[in-house]
Protein backbone atom coordinates (compact mmCIF):
# COMPACT_ATOMS: atom_id res chain seq x y z
CA MET A 1 -49.53 4.79 -4.03
CA GLN A 2 -46.36 3.56 -1.60
CA ILE A 3 -43.86 1.31 -2.63
CA GLU A 4 -40.85 -0.39 -0.78
CA PHE A 5 -36.92 0.63 -0.40
CA ALA A 6 -33.68 0.31 0.57
CA LYS A 7 -30.62 2.88 1.27
CA TYR A 8 -27.29 1.19 0.70
CA GLN A 9 -24.01 2.85 0.52
CA GLY A 10 -20.77 1.32 -0.38
CA THR A 11 -17.06 3.68 0.85
CA GLY A 12 -20.04 6.66 1.24
CA ASN A 13 -21.46 5.86 -2.53
CA ASP A 14 -25.33 5.80 -2.25
CA PHE A 15 -28.08 4.57 -2.92
CA VAL A 16 -31.55 4.19 -3.52
CA LEU A 17 -32.80 1.00 -4.80
CA ILE A 18 -35.91 -0.72 -5.45
CA ASP A 19 -37.16 -4.60 -6.29
CA ASN A 20 -38.85 -3.83 -9.48
CA ARG A 21 -39.04 -7.05 -10.29
CA GLN A 22 -43.11 -6.59 -10.72
CA ASN A 23 -42.33 -3.56 -12.59
CA ILE A 24 -43.72 -1.09 -10.03
CA ILE A 25 -41.46 1.86 -11.26
CA SER A 26 -41.09 3.36 -14.97
CA PRO A 27 -37.61 3.59 -15.57
CA GLN A 28 -38.59 6.87 -18.11
CA ASN A 29 -39.70 8.68 -14.96
CA ILE A 30 -37.07 10.42 -14.90
CA GLN A 31 -39.02 13.48 -12.58
CA LEU A 32 -39.94 10.69 -10.33
CA ILE A 33 -36.22 9.41 -10.10
CA GLN A 34 -34.77 12.52 -9.46
CA HIS A 35 -36.99 13.07 -6.86
CA LEU A 36 -36.30 9.84 -4.75
CA CYS A 37 -32.44 10.89 -5.01
CA ASP A 38 -33.55 14.59 -4.19
CA ARG A 39 -31.98 14.53 -0.78
CA LYS A 40 -34.36 17.70 0.40
CA PHE A 41 -37.51 16.69 -0.74
CA GLY A 42 -36.86 12.77 -1.21
CA ILE A 43 -34.72 10.05 -0.02
CA GLY A 44 -31.72 11.24 -1.01
CA ALA A 45 -28.77 9.06 -3.03
CA ASP A 46 -26.22 9.38 -5.60
CA GLY A 47 -28.27 7.61 -7.81
CA LEU A 48 -31.24 4.85 -7.81
CA MET A 49 -31.21 1.02 -8.67
CA LEU A 50 -33.43 -0.71 -9.85
CA LEU A 51 -33.54 -5.12 -9.35
CA GLU A 52 -35.51 -6.41 -12.32
CA ASN A 53 -35.88 -9.78 -13.92
CA GLU A 54 -33.82 -11.19 -16.51
CA ASN A 55 -33.97 -14.63 -18.15
CA SER A 56 -31.00 -17.03 -17.94
CA TYR A 57 -29.37 -14.40 -15.01
CA ASP A 58 -30.14 -13.96 -11.28
CA PHE A 59 -30.97 -10.73 -11.69
CA ARG A 60 -30.35 -7.36 -14.24
CA MET A 61 -29.17 -4.38 -12.51
CA ARG A 62 -30.84 -0.83 -13.81
CA TYR A 63 -28.23 2.53 -12.53
CA PHE A 64 -29.94 6.05 -12.81
CA ASN A 65 -27.77 8.80 -11.59
CA SER A 66 -29.42 11.25 -9.40
CA ASP A 67 -30.30 13.91 -12.95
CA GLY A 68 -32.85 10.99 -13.57
CA LYS A 69 -31.01 9.30 -16.31
CA GLU A 70 -29.96 6.11 -16.80
CA ALA A 71 -26.27 6.26 -16.96
CA SER A 72 -23.48 3.48 -17.68
CA MET A 73 -21.56 1.03 -15.25
CA CYS A 74 -21.35 2.04 -11.57
CA GLY A 75 -18.84 -0.55 -9.52
CA ASN A 76 -20.49 0.93 -5.73
CA GLY A 77 -23.72 0.10 -6.77
CA GLY A 78 -23.24 -3.10 -8.34
CA ARG A 79 -20.92 -3.80 -5.34
CA CYS A 80 -24.66 -2.83 -3.45
CA ILE A 81 -27.58 -3.93 -5.86
CA VAL A 82 -25.94 -7.84 -5.01
CA ALA A 83 -25.84 -7.01 -1.39
CA PHE A 84 -29.79 -5.93 -2.16
CA ALA A 85 -30.38 -9.22 -3.83
CA TYR A 86 -28.53 -11.50 -0.83
CA HIS A 87 -30.67 -9.54 1.18
CA LEU A 88 -33.49 -10.38 -0.53
CA GLY A 89 -32.48 -14.18 -0.68
CA ILE A 90 -32.41 -14.32 -4.33
CA ILE A 91 -29.29 -15.54 -4.60
CA LYS A 92 -26.18 -16.80 -1.96
CA GLU A 93 -22.43 -16.28 -1.67
CA GLN A 94 -22.15 -16.57 -5.90
CA THR A 95 -24.20 -14.48 -8.45
CA HIS A 96 -24.16 -14.12 -11.70
CA PHE A 97 -25.54 -10.90 -12.60
CA ILE A 98 -26.53 -8.59 -16.75
CA ALA A 99 -25.72 -4.60 -15.71
CA VAL A 100 -25.66 -2.11 -18.60
CA ASP A 101 -22.15 -3.19 -19.99
CA GLY A 102 -22.64 -6.68 -19.66
CA GLU A 103 -22.34 -9.80 -17.17
CA HIS A 104 -20.88 -10.09 -14.26
CA ASP A 105 -20.13 -12.34 -10.98
CA ALA A 106 -19.94 -10.74 -7.92
CA ASN A 107 -18.91 -12.91 -3.92
CA VAL A 108 -20.40 -12.13 -1.02
CA LEU A 109 -18.92 -12.92 2.53
CA ASP A 110 -21.55 -12.38 5.27
CA GLN A 111 -19.66 -11.45 8.35
CA ASP A 112 -21.73 -11.69 11.65
CA GLY A 113 -23.98 -9.11 8.85
CA LYS A 114 -21.27 -7.23 7.85
CA LEU A 115 -20.68 -7.43 4.26
CA TRP A 116 -17.76 -7.53 1.53
CA VAL A 117 -18.59 -7.77 -1.72
CA SER A 118 -16.22 -8.92 -4.74
CA LEU A 119 -17.42 -7.71 -7.92
CA LYS A 120 -15.40 -8.43 -10.87
CA MET A 121 -15.65 -6.22 -13.88
CA GLN A 122 -15.15 -5.92 -17.63
CA ASP A 123 -11.98 -6.14 -19.32
CA VAL A 124 -9.95 -3.19 -20.35
CA GLN A 125 -8.43 -3.56 -23.70
CA GLU A 126 -7.82 0.27 -24.59
CA VAL A 127 -6.06 2.79 -22.32
CA GLU A 128 -5.62 6.44 -23.47
CA THR A 129 -1.96 8.05 -22.18
CA GLY A 130 -1.20 11.65 -22.07
CA LYS A 131 0.89 13.82 -20.80
CA ASN A 132 -0.33 12.99 -16.91
CA TYR A 133 -3.36 11.43 -17.20
CA PHE A 134 -5.36 8.18 -18.68
CA TYR A 135 -8.29 7.82 -20.37
CA LEU A 136 -10.00 4.46 -19.92
CA ASN A 137 -13.32 3.18 -19.78
CA THR A 138 -13.91 0.55 -16.83
CA GLY A 139 -18.24 0.41 -17.59
CA SER A 140 -18.01 4.51 -17.12
CA PRO A 141 -15.99 6.61 -19.33
CA HIS A 142 -12.95 7.81 -16.83
CA TYR A 143 -9.79 10.94 -16.74
CA VAL A 144 -7.72 9.92 -13.81
CA THR A 145 -5.12 12.61 -13.30
CA PHE A 146 -2.00 12.64 -10.66
CA ILE A 147 -1.39 14.90 -7.89
CA GLU A 148 1.15 15.62 -5.09
CA GLN A 149 -1.69 16.24 -2.58
CA SER A 150 -5.54 15.44 -1.91
CA GLU A 151 -5.51 16.52 1.44
CA GLY A 152 -7.25 20.25 0.73
CA PHE A 153 -7.64 19.56 -3.06
CA ASP A 154 -10.22 20.96 -4.48
CA THR A 155 -11.71 17.92 -6.25
CA TYR A 156 -15.44 19.94 -7.68
CA THR A 157 -13.59 22.83 -9.19
CA GLU A 158 -10.77 21.02 -11.14
CA GLY A 159 -12.91 17.74 -11.64
CA LYS A 160 -15.94 20.34 -13.53
CA ASN A 161 -12.96 22.02 -15.48
CA ILE A 162 -11.67 18.57 -16.79
CA ARG A 163 -15.76 17.25 -17.21
CA TYR A 164 -16.81 20.73 -19.15
CA ASN A 165 -14.17 21.42 -21.57
CA GLU A 166 -14.14 20.95 -24.75
CA ARG A 167 -13.53 17.85 -25.28
CA PHE A 168 -15.82 16.08 -22.62
CA LYS A 169 -18.16 19.00 -22.26
CA LYS A 170 -21.52 16.72 -24.62
CA GLU A 171 -20.17 13.33 -23.58
CA GLY A 172 -19.59 13.78 -20.18
CA THR A 173 -16.42 12.62 -18.47
CA ASN A 174 -15.64 11.12 -14.30
CA VAL A 175 -12.71 12.99 -13.42
CA ASN A 176 -10.67 10.80 -11.04
CA PHE A 177 -7.46 12.23 -9.03
CA VAL A 178 -4.91 10.15 -7.12
CA GLN A 179 -2.46 10.63 -5.30
CA ILE A 180 0.41 7.64 -4.72
CA GLU A 181 1.87 7.05 -1.61
CA ASN A 182 3.67 3.81 -2.69
CA ASP A 183 1.29 0.71 -3.08
CA LEU A 184 -1.45 3.14 -1.24
CA LEU A 185 -4.11 5.19 -3.71
CA ARG A 186 -5.76 8.06 -2.12
CA VAL A 187 -8.61 8.92 -5.13
CA SER A 188 -11.10 11.49 -5.30
CA THR A 189 -13.30 11.64 -8.20
CA TYR A 190 -16.17 14.00 -9.72
CA GLU A 191 -18.76 12.17 -11.43
CA ARG A 192 -20.93 13.29 -14.38
CA GLY A 193 -24.79 12.58 -14.21
CA VAL A 194 -24.04 13.92 -10.31
CA GLU A 195 -21.91 16.81 -11.46
CA ASP A 196 -20.14 17.10 -8.26
CA GLU A 197 -17.25 15.01 -5.87
CA THR A 198 -18.72 12.09 -4.09
CA LEU A 199 -17.11 10.14 -1.85
CA SER A 200 -16.28 7.52 -3.78
CA CYS A 201 -17.04 5.83 -6.93
CA GLY A 202 -16.28 2.10 -7.79
CA THR A 203 -15.73 2.20 -11.88
CA GLY A 204 -13.63 5.24 -10.81
CA VAL A 205 -11.11 3.38 -7.92
CA VAL A 206 -10.89 0.93 -10.76
CA ALA A 207 -9.73 3.28 -13.47
CA SER A 208 -7.33 4.94 -10.73
CA ALA A 209 -5.95 1.77 -9.79
CA LEU A 210 -5.31 0.50 -13.39
CA SER A 211 -3.98 3.78 -14.44
CA SER A 212 -1.13 3.66 -11.47
CA SER A 213 0.23 0.62 -12.04
CA LEU A 214 1.11 1.70 -15.61
CA LEU A 215 2.92 4.29 -13.76
CA MET A 216 4.07 2.20 -11.29
CA ASP A 217 4.84 -0.51 -13.83
CA LYS A 218 3.35 -3.01 -11.85
CA PRO A 219 1.02 -5.50 -14.17
CA THR A 220 -0.38 -8.05 -12.04
CA GLY A 221 -1.22 -7.84 -8.15
CA LYS A 222 -3.91 -5.21 -6.24
CA LEU A 223 -3.88 -2.51 -4.98
CA GLN A 224 -5.18 -0.82 -1.41
CA VAL A 225 -7.46 2.52 -2.55
CA LYS A 226 -8.29 5.05 0.25
CA THR A 227 -11.92 7.29 -1.13
CA LYS A 228 -13.25 9.81 1.47
CA GLY A 229 -16.24 7.57 2.27
CA GLY A 230 -14.08 4.83 2.62
CA ASP A 231 -11.77 1.73 1.90
CA LEU A 232 -11.77 -0.51 -1.65
CA GLN A 233 -9.13 -2.72 -3.36
CA VAL A 234 -8.85 -3.98 -6.67
CA ARG A 235 -6.99 -6.64 -7.92
CA TYR A 236 -6.34 -7.36 -11.59
CA HIS A 237 -3.69 -8.66 -14.37
CA ARG A 238 -2.62 -7.05 -17.04
CA SER A 239 -1.30 -8.81 -19.87
CA ASP A 240 -0.27 -5.88 -21.74
CA GLN A 241 0.23 -2.25 -21.95
CA ASP A 242 -3.43 -2.19 -22.93
CA ASN A 243 -4.85 -5.24 -21.87
CA PHE A 244 -6.18 -5.77 -18.16
CA THR A 245 -8.36 -8.56 -17.06
CA ASN A 246 -9.60 -10.27 -14.21
CA ILE A 247 -10.40 -6.89 -12.43
CA TRP A 248 -11.85 -7.26 -9.51
CA LEU A 249 -13.01 -4.30 -7.36
CA GLU A 250 -13.71 -4.94 -3.46
CA GLY A 251 -15.19 -3.54 -0.33
CA PRO A 252 -17.87 -3.29 2.10
CA ALA A 253 -21.53 -2.53 0.88
CA THR A 254 -24.26 -1.52 3.77
CA LYS A 255 -27.44 -1.61 4.11
CA VAL A 256 -28.29 1.84 6.00
CA PHE A 257 -32.05 1.56 6.42
CA LYS A 258 -35.35 0.15 4.66
CA GLY A 259 -38.84 1.59 4.44
CA ASN A 260 -42.14 3.47 2.54
CA ILE A 261 -42.44 6.41 0.25
CA GLN A 262 -45.39 7.57 -1.16
CA ILE A 263 -45.59 8.35 -5.30
């Protein structure tokens, strides 16, 4: 059987997207998802997303890491599936959809075919604070720590050490390393499920921005974030130490190509 797919990327975080409103792909087919994400034998991606029907919403987002397992929320993936739905004609400039962590709103700004997607994230009401780290859930669990210099930093090794330590090795965690330059954050991320450094991670960028706002004592505003795959920004409001609301992840979402593959 041949299936049609599209490849999207959001600041270098890349995804295979499939319109699954006719249930052509089984979410339980782990080997197929692994194959489609394989960079040597398949299409190649950090993850795969299925766009499905859901009553009372424009669509349902189902996200799978490249290991084939259905995963927690992916921020860049959320922005890319919104762009995918826009290109399919399912939505216009605004959408309301549901993902594994609940409901999301998003806005699309189309500037001569280049899409800028703003995705509203879930509120964050609990942040664990430790020595030079914060631990919080922004749709996915994130360990955020701060470093002096991002250039030349070994994100893979240091991130893997934390992800597989005694506390996290069973369930896993994403690990973010942040260098603060005034109001600019330089963020690198080791992602569980991918089990490698990725060029960008949306929920990790959000976690890094919220953690930095605590460190910088900046309760409300906007932070610019530079990842190895490109630039994003995070808007937020903090009413007290652990209560963040009105969180928006914003940045480009780009269709790379589309095609058909035999499965």
